[in-house]
Amino acid sequence: MTGFSTSPRFVEHVTGPGHPERPDRIRAIFKALRDAGLIDSPNRFADFDLDFGLQPEGTAKLLELSPQPAEDRWLLTCHTPEHIKQVDGICAAGGGVLDDGDTPVGPNSAEIARLSLGSLLGCCDAVMQGRCRRAFSAARPPGHHAEPNRAMGFCLFSNVAIAARYLQRQYGLERVAIVDFDVHHGNGTQACLEDDPTALFVSLHQDPKTCYPGTGYGTETGVGAGRGFTLNIPLPPGTTDDLYLQAIDERVLPALDRFKPQMLLLSAGFDAHADDPLAEMELSEDGFAQITDRMVQAASVQCDGKIISALEGGYNLRALGRSVVAHLRSLQN
């Protein structure tokens, strides 16, 4: 059984006209999963009518999970009180722009960001409590660019890094691995965990010389006690499915084998798709399925098959919906 957590409230995080991280991302995912026969929920977004060209394939339905907002004590495992106060203050004042202009927030954004984190923590609970073996959180705003003391790159709070802390503190896990295949380097996740030898962070992303946020060089391997537990794999623009899979086979899977995680977290960004407007990679939906297949195989060896996956990027709506369906069908294997 694979869990799926989302909420119609995620469209309430308003980023403004023309912004790529827009509410329609959630509508697109929900519609694509309904078209693929993976969920039976009533149509919450009846006015959204994008054709994904998907058909049911007889696969099992997802276990639908209802998210609850995360408590601030979990935010504080990775963020400073000053950062949380700044996000809350700007939203309470009616909204504004965080970071250097690309992270707008509205009056509801702080609340919805806590719900986004809560969606992922709920997936952690569902897997750890045995309700499902794997789970995917389709939530926004995303998280992997948010650093301990600042919002960045559409992200307010570092959801996946916090989920790693949650699994360690709530459930006593000693080793948690994160694989981030978003096209952009997960600088926020890295900043939150880079000194920690109990959390392995692996990021495959477009070469930082050519892509936001300009970090994630292979020489960034962690700091202090965490040195050697950060693995960055920058890939050149134009990288295809085959080269991604080669990097996973030759570098990611051996790193997971050495680390022996008790849980595998995925930062599942779909903006390396060939049709995505924010990068220059050439992945297909089948490529995302094969990446997920590799992660399922690794988890089956290392952590009893358990995987918790969180939505990050993906800004072409049709490619996003189809890629999420491919990801979830592979998680069901």
C-alpha atoms as a PDB file:
ATOM      1  CA  MET A   1       0.000   0.000   0.000  1.00  0.00           C
ATOM      2  CA  THR A   2       1.237   3.500  -0.900  1.00  0.00           C
ATOM      3  CA  GLY A   3      -0.050   6.580   0.886  1.00  0.00           C
ATOM      4  CA  PHE A   4      -0.865   9.910  -0.736  1.00  0.00           C
ATOM      5  CA  SER A   5      -1.287  13.152   1.171  1.00  0.00           C
ATOM      6  CA  THR A   6      -2.567  16.427  -0.243  1.00  0.00           C
ATOM      7  CA  SER A   7      -5.138  19.096   0.558  1.00  0.00           C
ATOM      8  CA  PRO A   8      -7.215  21.574  -1.447  1.00  0.00           C
ATOM      9  CA  ARG A   9      -5.904  24.182   0.992  1.00  0.00           C
ATOM     10  CA  PHE A  10      -2.505  24.094  -0.717  1.00  0.00           C
ATOM     11  CA  VAL A  11      -3.902  26.369  -3.419  1.00  0.00           C
ATOM     12  CA  GLU A  12      -4.308  29.081  -0.753  1.00  0.00           C
ATOM     13  CA  HIS A  13      -0.566  29.828  -0.832  1.00  0.00           C
ATOM     14  CA  VAL A  14      -0.769  32.632  -3.383  1.00  0.00           C
ATOM     15  CA  THR A  15       2.389  33.534  -5.301  1.00  0.00           C
ATOM     16  CA  GLY A  16       0.943  36.005  -7.801  1.00  0.00           C
ATOM     17  CA  PRO A  17       0.368  36.112 -11.563  1.00  0.00           C
ATOM     18  CA  GLY A  18       3.010  34.456 -13.709  1.00  0.00           C
ATOM     19  CA  HIS A  19       4.897  32.812 -10.845  1.00  0.00           C
ATOM     20  CA  PRO A  20       6.001  29.257 -11.740  1.00  0.00           C
ATOM     21  CA  GLU A  21       5.294  27.859  -8.250  1.00  0.00           C
ATOM     22  CA  ARG A  22       1.568  28.394  -8.609  1.00  0.00           C
ATOM     23  CA  PRO A  23      -1.582  26.828  -7.146  1.00  0.00           C
ATOM     24  CA  ASP A  24      -2.322  25.035 -10.423  1.00  0.00           C
ATOM     25  CA  ARG A  25       0.518  22.641  -9.604  1.00  0.00           C
ATOM     26  CA  ILE A  26      -1.672  20.980  -6.984  1.00  0.00           C
ATOM     27  CA  ARG A  27      -4.696  21.024  -9.282  1.00  0.00           C
ATOM     28  CA  ALA A  28      -2.639  19.356 -12.015  1.00  0.00           C
ATOM     29  CA  ILE A  29      -1.408  16.571  -9.746  1.00  0.00           C
ATOM     30  CA  PHE A  30      -4.885  15.905  -8.377  1.00  0.00           C
ATOM     31  CA  LYS A  31      -6.425  15.791 -11.865  1.00  0.00           C
ATOM     32  CA  ALA A  32      -3.666  13.529 -13.227  1.00  0.00           C
ATOM     33  CA  LEU A  33      -4.083  11.033 -10.381  1.00  0.00           C
ATOM     34  CA  ARG A  34      -7.859  10.955 -10.908  1.00  0.00           C
ATOM     35  CA  ASP A  35      -7.395  10.430 -14.652  1.00  0.00           C
ATOM     36  CA  ALA A  36      -4.945   7.589 -13.936  1.00  0.00           C
ATOM     37  CA  GLY A  37      -7.414   5.921 -11.576  1.00  0.00           C
ATOM     38  CA  LEU A  38      -5.103   6.171  -8.570  1.00  0.00           C
ATOM     39  CA  ILE A  39      -7.543   8.086  -6.361  1.00  0.00           C
ATOM     40  CA  ASP A  40     -11.326   8.134  -5.999  1.00  0.00           C
ATOM     41  CA  SER A  41     -11.701  11.480  -4.205  1.00  0.00           C
ATOM     42  CA  PRO A  42     -14.483  13.789  -5.372  1.00  0.00           C
ATOM     43  CA  ASN A  43     -13.279  16.313  -7.916  1.00  0.00           C
ATOM     44  CA  ARG A  44     -12.101  19.157  -5.699  1.00  0.00           C
ATOM     45  CA  PHE A  45     -11.005  21.251  -8.676  1.00  0.00           C
ATOM     46  CA  ALA A  46     -13.858  20.874 -11.160  1.00  0.00           C
ATOM     47  CA  ASP A  47     -12.810  24.030 -13.001  1.00  0.00           C
ATOM     48  CA  PHE A  48      -9.377  22.571 -13.867  1.00  0.00           C
ATOM     49  CA  ASP A  49      -9.561  20.627 -17.122  1.00  0.00           C
ATOM     50  CA  LEU A  50      -6.052  19.933 -18.437  1.00  0.00           C
ATOM     51  CA  ASP A  51      -5.862  16.741 -20.530  1.00  0.00           C
ATOM     52  CA  PHE A  52      -2.994  14.507 -19.402  1.00  0.00           C
ATOM     53  CA  GLY A  53      -3.703  11.682 -21.837  1.00  0.00           C
ATOM     54  CA  LEU A  54      -3.642   9.168 -18.958  1.00  0.00           C
ATOM     55  CA  GLN A  55      -5.710   6.025 -18.539  1.00  0.00           C
ATOM     56  CA  PRO A  56      -6.218   3.732 -15.539  1.00  0.00           C
ATOM     57  CA  GLU A  57      -3.912   0.711 -15.667  1.00  0.00           C
ATOM     58  CA  GLY A  58      -5.563  -1.472 -13.059  1.00  0.00           C
ATOM     59  CA  THR A  59      -3.083  -0.511 -10.349  1.00  0.00           C
ATOM     60  CA  ALA A  60      -4.141  -0.388  -6.713  1.00  0.00           C
ATOM     61  CA  LYS A  61      -5.657   2.786  -5.325  1.00  0.00           C
ATOM     62  CA  LEU A  62      -3.565   5.020  -3.106  1.00  0.00           C
ATOM     63  CA  LEU A  63      -4.292   5.304   0.602  1.00  0.00           C
ATOM     64  CA  GLU A  64      -5.409   8.914   0.935  1.00  0.00           C
ATOM     65  CA  LEU A  65      -4.076  10.704   4.017  1.00  0.00           C
ATOM     66  CA  SER A  66      -5.448  13.949   5.474  1.00  0.00           C
ATOM     67  CA  PRO A  67      -2.703  16.363   6.600  1.00  0.00           C
ATOM     68  CA  GLN A  68      -2.657  18.383   9.797  1.00  0.00           C
ATOM     69  CA  PRO A  69      -0.458  21.475  10.401  1.00  0.00           C
ATOM     70  CA  ALA A  70       2.940  20.752  11.927  1.00  0.00           C
ATOM     71  CA  GLU A  71       3.737  22.038  15.391  1.00  0.00           C
ATOM     72  CA  ASP A  72       6.372  24.758  15.674  1.00  0.00           C
ATOM     73  CA  ARG A  73       8.615  22.505  17.774  1.00  0.00           C
ATOM     74  CA  TRP A  74       9.391  20.598  14.598  1.00  0.00           C
ATOM     75  CA  LEU A  75      10.201  23.779  12.669  1.00  0.00           C
ATOM     76  CA  LEU A  76      12.718  24.577  15.399  1.00  0.00           C
ATOM     77  CA  THR A  77      14.642  21.374  14.732  1.00  0.00           C
ATOM     78  CA  CYS A  78      16.049  23.022  11.580  1.00  0.00           C
ATOM     79  CA  HIS A  79      15.158  26.743  11.682  1.00  0.00           C
ATOM     80  CA  THR A  80      16.013  29.642  13.927  1.00  0.00           C
ATOM     81  CA  PRO A  81      13.243  31.338  15.906  1.00  0.00           C
ATOM     82  CA  GLU A  82      14.100  34.544  14.037  1.00  0.00           C
ATOM     83  CA  HIS A  83      13.399  32.915  10.676  1.00  0.00           C
ATOM     84  CA  ILE A  84      10.022  31.582  11.793  1.00  0.00           C
ATOM     85  CA  LYS A  85       9.144  34.987  13.261  1.00  0.00           C
ATOM     86  CA  GLN A  86      10.059  36.741  10.011  1.00  0.00           C
ATOM     87  CA  VAL A  87       7.885  34.423   7.890  1.00  0.00           C
ATOM     88  CA  ASP A  88       4.970  34.770  10.299  1.00  0.00           C
ATOM     89  CA  GLY A  89       5.339  38.537  10.519  1.00  0.00           C
ATOM     90  CA  ILE A  90       5.357  39.186   6.783  1.00  0.00           C
ATOM     91  CA  CYS A  91       2.329  36.940   6.274  1.00  0.00           C
ATOM     92  CA  ALA A  92       0.460  38.527   9.195  1.00  0.00           C
ATOM     93  CA  ALA A  93       1.058  41.922   7.598  1.00  0.00           C
ATOM     94  CA  GLY A  94      -0.776  40.759   4.467  1.00  0.00           C
ATOM     95  CA  GLY A  95       2.091  39.193   2.543  1.00  0.00           C
ATOM     96  CA  GLY A  96       5.174  40.319   0.708  1.00  0.00           C
ATOM     97  CA  VAL A  97       8.362  38.901  -0.745  1.00  0.00           C
ATOM     98  CA  LEU A  98      10.991  36.846   1.049  1.00  0.00           C
ATOM     99  CA  ASP A  99      14.498  36.138  -0.234  1.00  0.00           C
ATOM    100  CA  ASP A 100      15.651  38.218  -3.229  1.00  0.00           C
ATOM    101  CA  GLY A 101      12.312  38.463  -4.951  1.00  0.00           C
ATOM    102  CA  ASP A 102      11.413  34.927  -6.006  1.00  0.00           C
ATOM    103  CA  THR A 103       9.643  33.773  -2.822  1.00  0.00           C
ATOM    104  CA  PRO A 104       6.382  35.722  -2.519  1.00  0.00           C
ATOM    105  CA  VAL A 105       3.952  34.987   0.296  1.00  0.00           C
ATOM    106  CA  GLY A 106       0.344  35.917   0.988  1.00  0.00           C
ATOM    107  CA  PRO A 107      -1.580  36.259   4.233  1.00  0.00           C
ATOM    108  CA  ASN A 108      -2.179  32.480   4.446  1.00  0.00           C
ATOM    109  CA  SER A 109       1.279  31.319   3.421  1.00  0.00           C
ATOM    110  CA  ALA A 110       2.771  30.702   6.883  1.00  0.00           C
ATOM    111  CA  GLU A 111      -0.252  28.613   7.839  1.00  0.00           C
ATOM    112  CA  ILE A 112      -0.179  26.680   4.573  1.00  0.00           C
ATOM    113  CA  ALA A 113       3.589  26.109   4.893  1.00  0.00           C
ATOM    114  CA  ARG A 114       2.956  24.461   8.268  1.00  0.00           C
ATOM    115  CA  LEU A 115       0.281  22.317   6.600  1.00  0.00           C
ATOM    116  CA  SER A 116       2.760  21.429   3.848  1.00  0.00           C
ATOM    117  CA  LEU A 117       5.233  20.233   6.462  1.00  0.00           C
ATOM    118  CA  GLY A 118       2.436  18.469   8.331  1.00  0.00           C
ATOM    119  CA  SER A 119       1.524  16.597   5.159  1.00  0.00           C
ATOM    120  CA  LEU A 120       5.029  15.149   5.016  1.00  0.00           C
ATOM    121  CA  LEU A 121       5.168  14.362   8.738  1.00  0.00           C
ATOM    122  CA  GLY A 122       1.813  12.618   8.376  1.00  0.00           C
ATOM    123  CA  CYS A 123       3.371  10.463   5.666  1.00  0.00           C
ATOM    124  CA  CYS A 124       6.166   9.640   8.123  1.00  0.00           C
ATOM    125  CA  ASP A 125       3.575   8.583  10.703  1.00  0.00           C
ATOM    126  CA  ALA A 126       1.665   6.445   8.214  1.00  0.00           C
ATOM    127  CA  VAL A 127       4.806   4.553   7.169  1.00  0.00           C
ATOM    128  CA  MET A 128       6.282   4.204  10.640  1.00  0.00           C
ATOM    129  CA  GLN A 129       2.949   3.022  12.074  1.00  0.00           C
ATOM    130  CA  GLY A 130       2.540   0.400   9.359  1.00  0.00           C
ATOM    131  CA  ARG A 131      -0.474   1.861   7.573  1.00  0.00           C
ATOM    132  CA  CYS A 132       1.476   1.863   4.319  1.00  0.00           C
ATOM    133  CA  ARG A 133       4.981   0.962   3.210  1.00  0.00           C
ATOM    134  CA  ARG A 134       5.587   4.096   1.136  1.00  0.00           C
ATOM    135  CA  ALA A 135       3.961   7.518   0.957  1.00  0.00           C
ATOM    136  CA  PHE A 136       4.060  10.684  -1.141  1.00  0.00           C
ATOM    137  CA  SER A 137       3.235  14.210   0.003  1.00  0.00           C
ATOM    138  CA  ALA A 138       1.929  16.464  -2.788  1.00  0.00           C
ATOM    139  CA  ALA A 139       2.161  19.774  -0.952  1.00  0.00           C
ATOM    140  CA  ARG A 140       3.201  23.337  -1.503  1.00  0.00           C
ATOM    141  CA  PRO A 141       5.102  25.490  -0.768  1.00  0.00           C
ATOM    142  CA  PRO A 142       8.058  23.148  -1.345  1.00  0.00           C
ATOM    143  CA  GLY A 143      11.018  23.081   1.014  1.00  0.00           C
ATOM    144  CA  HIS A 144      14.467  22.037  -0.132  1.00  0.00           C
ATOM    145  CA  HIS A 145      15.892  25.542  -0.688  1.00  0.00           C
ATOM    146  CA  ALA A 146      14.903  26.929   2.741  1.00  0.00           C
ATOM    147  CA  GLU A 147      17.993  27.348   4.902  1.00  0.00           C
ATOM    148  CA  PRO A 148      18.023  27.520   8.725  1.00  0.00           C
ATOM    149  CA  ASN A 149      17.777  31.313   8.780  1.00  0.00           C
ATOM    150  CA  ARG A 150      16.163  32.268   5.469  1.00  0.00           C
ATOM    151  CA  ALA A 151      13.571  31.403   2.855  1.00  0.00           C
ATOM    152  CA  MET A 152      14.853  30.780  -0.667  1.00  0.00           C
ATOM    153  CA  GLY A 153      13.732  29.589  -4.075  1.00  0.00           C
ATOM    154  CA  PHE A 154       9.965  29.375  -3.445  1.00  0.00           C
ATOM    155  CA  CYS A 155      10.598  27.531  -0.134  1.00  0.00           C
ATOM    156  CA  LEU A 156       9.672  28.717   3.374  1.00  0.00           C
ATOM    157  CA  PHE A 157      10.587  25.766   5.613  1.00  0.00           C
ATOM    158  CA  SER A 158      12.952  22.858   4.931  1.00  0.00           C
ATOM    159  CA  ASN A 159      10.361  20.093   4.934  1.00  0.00           C
ATOM    160  CA  VAL A 160      12.514  17.070   4.135  1.00  0.00           C
ATOM    161  CA  ALA A 161      15.300  18.021   6.537  1.00  0.00           C
ATOM    162  CA  ILE A 162      12.699  18.479   9.271  1.00  0.00           C
ATOM    163  CA  ALA A 163      11.172  15.107   8.371  1.00  0.00           C
ATOM    164  CA  ALA A 164      14.581  13.497   8.917  1.00  0.00           C
ATOM    165  CA  ARG A 165      14.767  15.080  12.389  1.00  0.00           C
ATOM    166  CA  TYR A 166      11.178  14.018  13.065  1.00  0.00           C
ATOM    167  CA  LEU A 167      11.918  10.388  12.217  1.00  0.00           C
ATOM    168  CA  GLN A 168      14.964  10.426  14.476  1.00  0.00           C
ATOM    169  CA  ARG A 169      13.317  12.113  17.448  1.00  0.00           C
ATOM    170  CA  GLN A 170       9.758  10.803  17.220  1.00  0.00           C
ATOM    171  CA  TYR A 171      10.610   7.238  16.206  1.00  0.00           C
ATOM    172  CA  GLY A 172      14.222   6.779  17.291  1.00  0.00           C
ATOM    173  CA  LEU A 173      15.734   6.103  13.870  1.00  0.00           C
ATOM    174  CA  GLU A 174      19.519   6.332  13.870  1.00  0.00           C
ATOM    175  CA  ARG A 175      20.240   6.680  10.140  1.00  0.00           C
ATOM    176  CA  VAL A 176      18.064   8.494   7.585  1.00  0.00           C
ATOM    177  CA  ALA A 177      19.040   8.971   3.945  1.00  0.00           C
ATOM    178  CA  ILE A 178      17.724  11.669   1.598  1.00  0.00           C
ATOM    179  CA  VAL A 179      17.969  11.463  -2.190  1.00  0.00           C
ATOM    180  CA  ASP A 180      17.060  14.720  -3.930  1.00  0.00           C
ATOM    181  CA  PHE A 181      16.521  14.491  -7.705  1.00  0.00           C
ATOM    182  CA  ASP A 182      15.075  17.973  -8.201  1.00  0.00           C
ATOM    183  CA  VAL A 183      16.929  19.757 -11.013  1.00  0.00           C
ATOM    184  CA  HIS A 184      18.087  22.415  -8.538  1.00  0.00           C
ATOM    185  CA  HIS A 185      20.511  21.672  -5.730  1.00  0.00           C
ATOM    186  CA  GLY A 186      18.821  21.188  -2.354  1.00  0.00           C
ATOM    187  CA  ASN A 187      20.923  23.809  -0.618  1.00  0.00           C
ATOM    188  CA  GLY A 188      18.475  24.193   2.269  1.00  0.00           C
ATOM    189  CA  THR A 189      18.412  20.497   3.101  1.00  0.00           C
ATOM    190  CA  GLN A 190      22.194  20.450   2.913  1.00  0.00           C
ATOM    191  CA  ALA A 191      22.566  23.498   5.156  1.00  0.00           C
ATOM    192  CA  CYS A 192      20.290  21.972   7.789  1.00  0.00           C
ATOM    193  CA  LEU A 193      22.042  18.582   7.894  1.00  0.00           C
ATOM    194  CA  GLU A 194      25.596  18.971   6.600  1.00  0.00           C
ATOM    195  CA  ASP A 195      27.246  18.567  10.020  1.00  0.00           C
ATOM    196  CA  ASP A 196      25.260  15.430  10.907  1.00  0.00           C
ATOM    197  CA  PRO A 197      26.741  11.946  10.280  1.00  0.00           C
ATOM    198  CA  THR A 198      23.345  10.308  10.982  1.00  0.00           C
ATOM    199  CA  ALA A 199      21.749  11.878   7.881  1.00  0.00           C
ATOM    200  CA  LEU A 200      23.068  11.085   4.404  1.00  0.00           C
ATOM    201  CA  PHE A 201      22.158  13.748   1.838  1.00  0.00           C
ATOM    202  CA  VAL A 202      22.516  12.954  -1.872  1.00  0.00           C
ATOM    203  CA  SER A 203      21.580  15.496  -4.540  1.00  0.00           C
ATOM    204  CA  LEU A 204      21.534  15.010  -8.317  1.00  0.00           C
ATOM    205  CA  HIS A 205      21.059  18.360 -10.067  1.00  0.00           C
ATOM    206  CA  GLN A 206      22.003  20.521 -13.009  1.00  0.00           C
ATOM    207  CA  ASP A 207      25.554  21.869 -12.869  1.00  0.00           C
ATOM    208  CA  PRO A 208      25.502  24.831 -10.444  1.00  0.00           C
ATOM    209  CA  LYS A 209      27.546  26.908 -12.902  1.00  0.00           C
ATOM    210  CA  THR A 210      24.449  26.899 -15.112  1.00  0.00           C
ATOM    211  CA  CYS A 211      21.514  26.710 -12.708  1.00  0.00           C
ATOM    212  CA  TYR A 212      19.997  28.185  -9.531  1.00  0.00           C
ATOM    213  CA  PRO A 213      21.033  28.351  -6.687  1.00  0.00           C
ATOM    214  CA  GLY A 214      24.696  28.106  -7.693  1.00  0.00           C
ATOM    215  CA  THR A 215      25.607  25.546  -5.040  1.00  0.00           C
ATOM    216  CA  GLY A 216      26.017  21.791  -5.005  1.00  0.00           C
ATOM    217  CA  TYR A 217      29.524  21.277  -6.315  1.00  0.00           C
ATOM    218  CA  GLY A 218      31.069  17.860  -5.884  1.00  0.00           C
ATOM    219  CA  THR A 219      33.553  19.339  -3.424  1.00  0.00           C
ATOM    220  CA  GLU A 220      30.717  20.067  -0.966  1.00  0.00           C
ATOM    221  CA  THR A 221      30.812  16.901   1.134  1.00  0.00           C
ATOM    222  CA  GLY A 222      29.658  18.057   4.582  1.00  0.00           C
ATOM    223  CA  VAL A 223      31.318  19.791   7.496  1.00  0.00           C
ATOM    224  CA  GLY A 224      32.706  18.722  10.853  1.00  0.00           C
ATOM    225  CA  ALA A 225      31.376  15.362  12.001  1.00  0.00           C
ATOM    226  CA  GLY A 226      29.180  15.280   8.892  1.00  0.00           C
ATOM    227  CA  ARG A 227      32.056  15.353   6.428  1.00  0.00           C
ATOM    228  CA  GLY A 228      31.551  12.566   3.909  1.00  0.00           C
ATOM    229  CA  PHE A 229      27.794  12.365   4.460  1.00  0.00           C
ATOM    230  CA  THR A 230      26.864  14.872   1.736  1.00  0.00           C
ATOM    231  CA  LEU A 231      27.138  13.662  -1.851  1.00  0.00           C
ATOM    232  CA  ASN A 232      26.521  16.198  -4.621  1.00  0.00           C
ATOM    233  CA  ILE A 233      26.305  14.940  -8.202  1.00  0.00           C
ATOM    234  CA  PRO A 234      26.133  17.903 -10.617  1.00  0.00           C
ATOM    235  CA  LEU A 235      25.141  16.937 -14.158  1.00  0.00           C
ATOM    236  CA  PRO A 236      25.569  18.969 -17.355  1.00  0.00           C
ATOM    237  CA  PRO A 237      22.681  20.656 -19.152  1.00  0.00           C
ATOM    238  CA  GLY A 238      21.046  18.263 -21.589  1.00  0.00           C
ATOM    239  CA  THR A 239      21.498  15.185 -19.394  1.00  0.00           C
ATOM    240  CA  THR A 240      19.152  12.378 -20.446  1.00  0.00           C
ATOM    241  CA  ASP A 241      17.450   9.475 -18.684  1.00  0.00           C
ATOM    242  CA  ASP A 242      20.368   7.121 -19.361  1.00  0.00           C
ATOM    243  CA  LEU A 243      22.967   9.419 -17.814  1.00  0.00           C
ATOM    244  CA  TYR A 244      20.829  10.040 -14.723  1.00  0.00           C
ATOM    245  CA  LEU A 245      20.409   6.303 -14.242  1.00  0.00           C
ATOM    246  CA  GLN A 246      24.117   5.742 -14.758  1.00  0.00           C
ATOM    247  CA  ALA A 247      24.885   8.270 -12.002  1.00  0.00           C
ATOM    248  CA  ILE A 248      22.407   6.554  -9.706  1.00  0.00           C
ATOM    249  CA  ASP A 249      23.837   3.101 -10.405  1.00  0.00           C
ATOM    250  CA  GLU A 250      27.469   4.134 -10.069  1.00  0.00           C
ATOM    251  CA  ARG A 251      27.288   6.649  -7.228  1.00  0.00           C
ATOM    252  CA  VAL A 252      23.951   6.852  -5.421  1.00  0.00           C
ATOM    253  CA  LEU A 253      23.240   3.168  -4.872  1.00  0.00           C
ATOM    254  CA  PRO A 254      26.755   2.413  -3.538  1.00  0.00           C
ATOM    255  CA  ALA A 255      26.465   5.386  -1.137  1.00  0.00           C
ATOM    256  CA  LEU A 256      23.144   4.060   0.172  1.00  0.00           C
ATOM    257  CA  ASP A 257      24.633   0.585   0.500  1.00  0.00           C
ATOM    258  CA  ARG A 258      27.502   1.928   2.613  1.00  0.00           C
ATOM    259  CA  PHE A 259      25.251   4.084   4.804  1.00  0.00           C
ATOM    260  CA  LYS A 260      22.535   1.464   5.384  1.00  0.00           C
ATOM    261  CA  PRO A 261      19.647   3.845   6.117  1.00  0.00           C
ATOM    262  CA  GLN A 262      16.654   2.842   8.199  1.00  0.00           C
ATOM    263  CA  MET A 263      14.461   5.162   6.115  1.00  0.00           C
ATOM    264  CA  LEU A 264      14.784   6.625   2.640  1.00  0.00           C
ATOM    265  CA  LEU A 265      13.379  10.117   2.043  1.00  0.00           C
ATOM    266  CA  LEU A 266      13.025  11.502  -1.481  1.00  0.00           C
ATOM    267  CA  SER A 267      12.977  15.148  -2.501  1.00  0.00           C
ATOM    268  CA  ALA A 268      10.973  14.468  -5.626  1.00  0.00           C
ATOM    269  CA  GLY A 269      11.371  17.389  -7.970  1.00  0.00           C
ATOM    270  CA  PHE A 270      10.132  16.898 -11.541  1.00  0.00           C
ATOM    271  CA  ASP A 271      11.721  20.001 -13.058  1.00  0.00           C
ATOM    272  CA  ALA A 272      14.472  18.005 -14.775  1.00  0.00           C
ATOM    273  CA  HIS A 273      11.781  17.043 -17.294  1.00  0.00           C
ATOM    274  CA  ALA A 274      12.584  17.971 -20.887  1.00  0.00           C
ATOM    275  CA  ASP A 275       9.512  20.233 -21.037  1.00  0.00           C
ATOM    276  CA  ASP A 276      10.171  22.145 -17.818  1.00  0.00           C
ATOM    277  CA  PRO A 277      10.724  25.897 -18.307  1.00  0.00           C
ATOM    278  CA  LEU A 278      13.193  26.479 -15.437  1.00  0.00           C
ATOM    279  CA  ALA A 279      16.099  24.227 -16.397  1.00  0.00           C
ATOM    280  CA  GLU A 280      17.825  22.517 -19.291  1.00  0.00           C
ATOM    281  CA  MET A 281      17.664  18.795 -18.614  1.00  0.00           C
ATOM    282  CA  GLU A 282      16.080  16.077 -20.767  1.00  0.00           C
ATOM    283  CA  LEU A 283      14.363  13.621 -18.444  1.00  0.00           C
ATOM    284  CA  SER A 284      11.127  11.898 -19.447  1.00  0.00           C
ATOM    285  CA  GLU A 285       8.273  10.516 -17.357  1.00  0.00           C
ATOM    286  CA  ASP A 286       9.750   7.067 -17.914  1.00  0.00           C
ATOM    287  CA  GLY A 287      13.052   8.386 -16.606  1.00  0.00           C
ATOM    288  CA  PHE A 288      11.392   9.451 -13.355  1.00  0.00           C
ATOM    289  CA  ALA A 289       9.746   6.033 -13.140  1.00  0.00           C
ATOM    290  CA  GLN A 290      13.108   4.304 -13.554  1.00  0.00           C
ATOM    291  CA  ILE A 291      14.753   6.567 -10.964  1.00  0.00           C
ATOM    292  CA  THR A 292      11.953   5.648  -8.557  1.00  0.00           C
ATOM    293  CA  ASP A 293      12.364   1.962  -9.405  1.00  0.00           C
ATOM    294  CA  ARG A 294      16.029   2.221  -8.393  1.00  0.00           C
ATOM    295  CA  MET A 295      15.039   3.868  -5.105  1.00  0.00           C
ATOM    296  CA  VAL A 296      12.475   1.135  -4.429  1.00  0.00           C
ATOM    297  CA  GLN A 297      15.109  -1.527  -5.068  1.00  0.00           C
ATOM    298  CA  ALA A 298      17.567   0.201  -2.730  1.00  0.00           C
ATOM    299  CA  ALA A 299      14.945   0.612  -0.012  1.00  0.00           C
ATOM    300  CA  SER A 300      13.987  -3.051  -0.299  1.00  0.00           C
ATOM    301  CA  VAL A 301      17.571  -3.984   0.547  1.00  0.00           C
ATOM    302  CA  GLN A 302      18.315  -1.321   3.145  1.00  0.00           C
ATOM    303  CA  CYS A 303      15.136  -0.342   5.012  1.00  0.00           C
ATOM    304  CA  ASP A 304      12.423  -2.941   4.502  1.00  0.00           C
ATOM    305  CA  GLY A 305      11.198  -1.115   1.413  1.00  0.00           C
ATOM    306  CA  LYS A 306      10.136   2.024   3.296  1.00  0.00           C
ATOM    307  CA  ILE A 307      10.171   5.309   1.342  1.00  0.00           C
ATOM    308  CA  ILE A 308       8.690   8.718   2.119  1.00  0.00           C
ATOM    309  CA  SER A 309       8.626  11.122  -0.824  1.00  0.00           C
ATOM    310  CA  ALA A 310       7.956  14.864  -0.919  1.00  0.00           C
ATOM    311  CA  LEU A 311       7.052  17.036  -3.894  1.00  0.00           C
ATOM    312  CA  GLU A 312       9.617  19.712  -4.704  1.00  0.00           C
ATOM    313  CA  GLY A 313       9.752  21.343  -8.156  1.00  0.00           C
ATOM    314  CA  GLY A 314       8.067  20.752 -11.511  1.00  0.00           C
ATOM    315  CA  TYR A 315       6.599  23.708 -13.395  1.00  0.00           C
ATOM    316  CA  ASN A 316       5.206  22.437 -16.701  1.00  0.00           C
ATOM    317  CA  LEU A 317       1.775  21.307 -15.534  1.00  0.00           C
ATOM    318  CA  ARG A 318       1.258  18.472 -18.011  1.00  0.00           C
ATOM    319  CA  ALA A 319       4.772  17.107 -17.458  1.00  0.00           C
ATOM    320  CA  LEU A 320       4.341  17.469 -13.704  1.00  0.00           C
ATOM    321  CA  GLY A 321       1.066  15.540 -13.577  1.00  0.00           C
ATOM    322  CA  ARG A 322       2.318  12.735 -15.790  1.00  0.00           C
ATOM    323  CA  SER A 323       5.640  12.501 -13.925  1.00  0.00           C
ATOM    324  CA  VAL A 324       3.948  12.290 -10.523  1.00  0.00           C
ATOM    325  CA  VAL A 325       1.753   9.470 -11.829  1.00  0.00           C
ATOM    326  CA  ALA A 326       4.864   7.642 -13.071  1.00  0.00           C
ATOM    327  CA  HIS A 327       6.574   8.196  -9.696  1.00  0.00           C
ATOM    328  CA  LEU A 328       3.599   6.871  -7.737  1.00  0.00           C
ATOM    329  CA  ARG A 329       3.086   3.845  -9.953  1.00  0.00           C
ATOM    330  CA  SER A 330       6.723   2.934  -9.327  1.00  0.00           C
ATOM    331  CA  LEU A 331       6.328   3.496  -5.591  1.00  0.00           C
ATOM    332  CA  GLN A 332       3.498   0.940  -5.697  1.00  0.00           C
ATOM    333  CA  ASN A 333       5.821  -1.795  -6.988  1.00  0.00           C
END
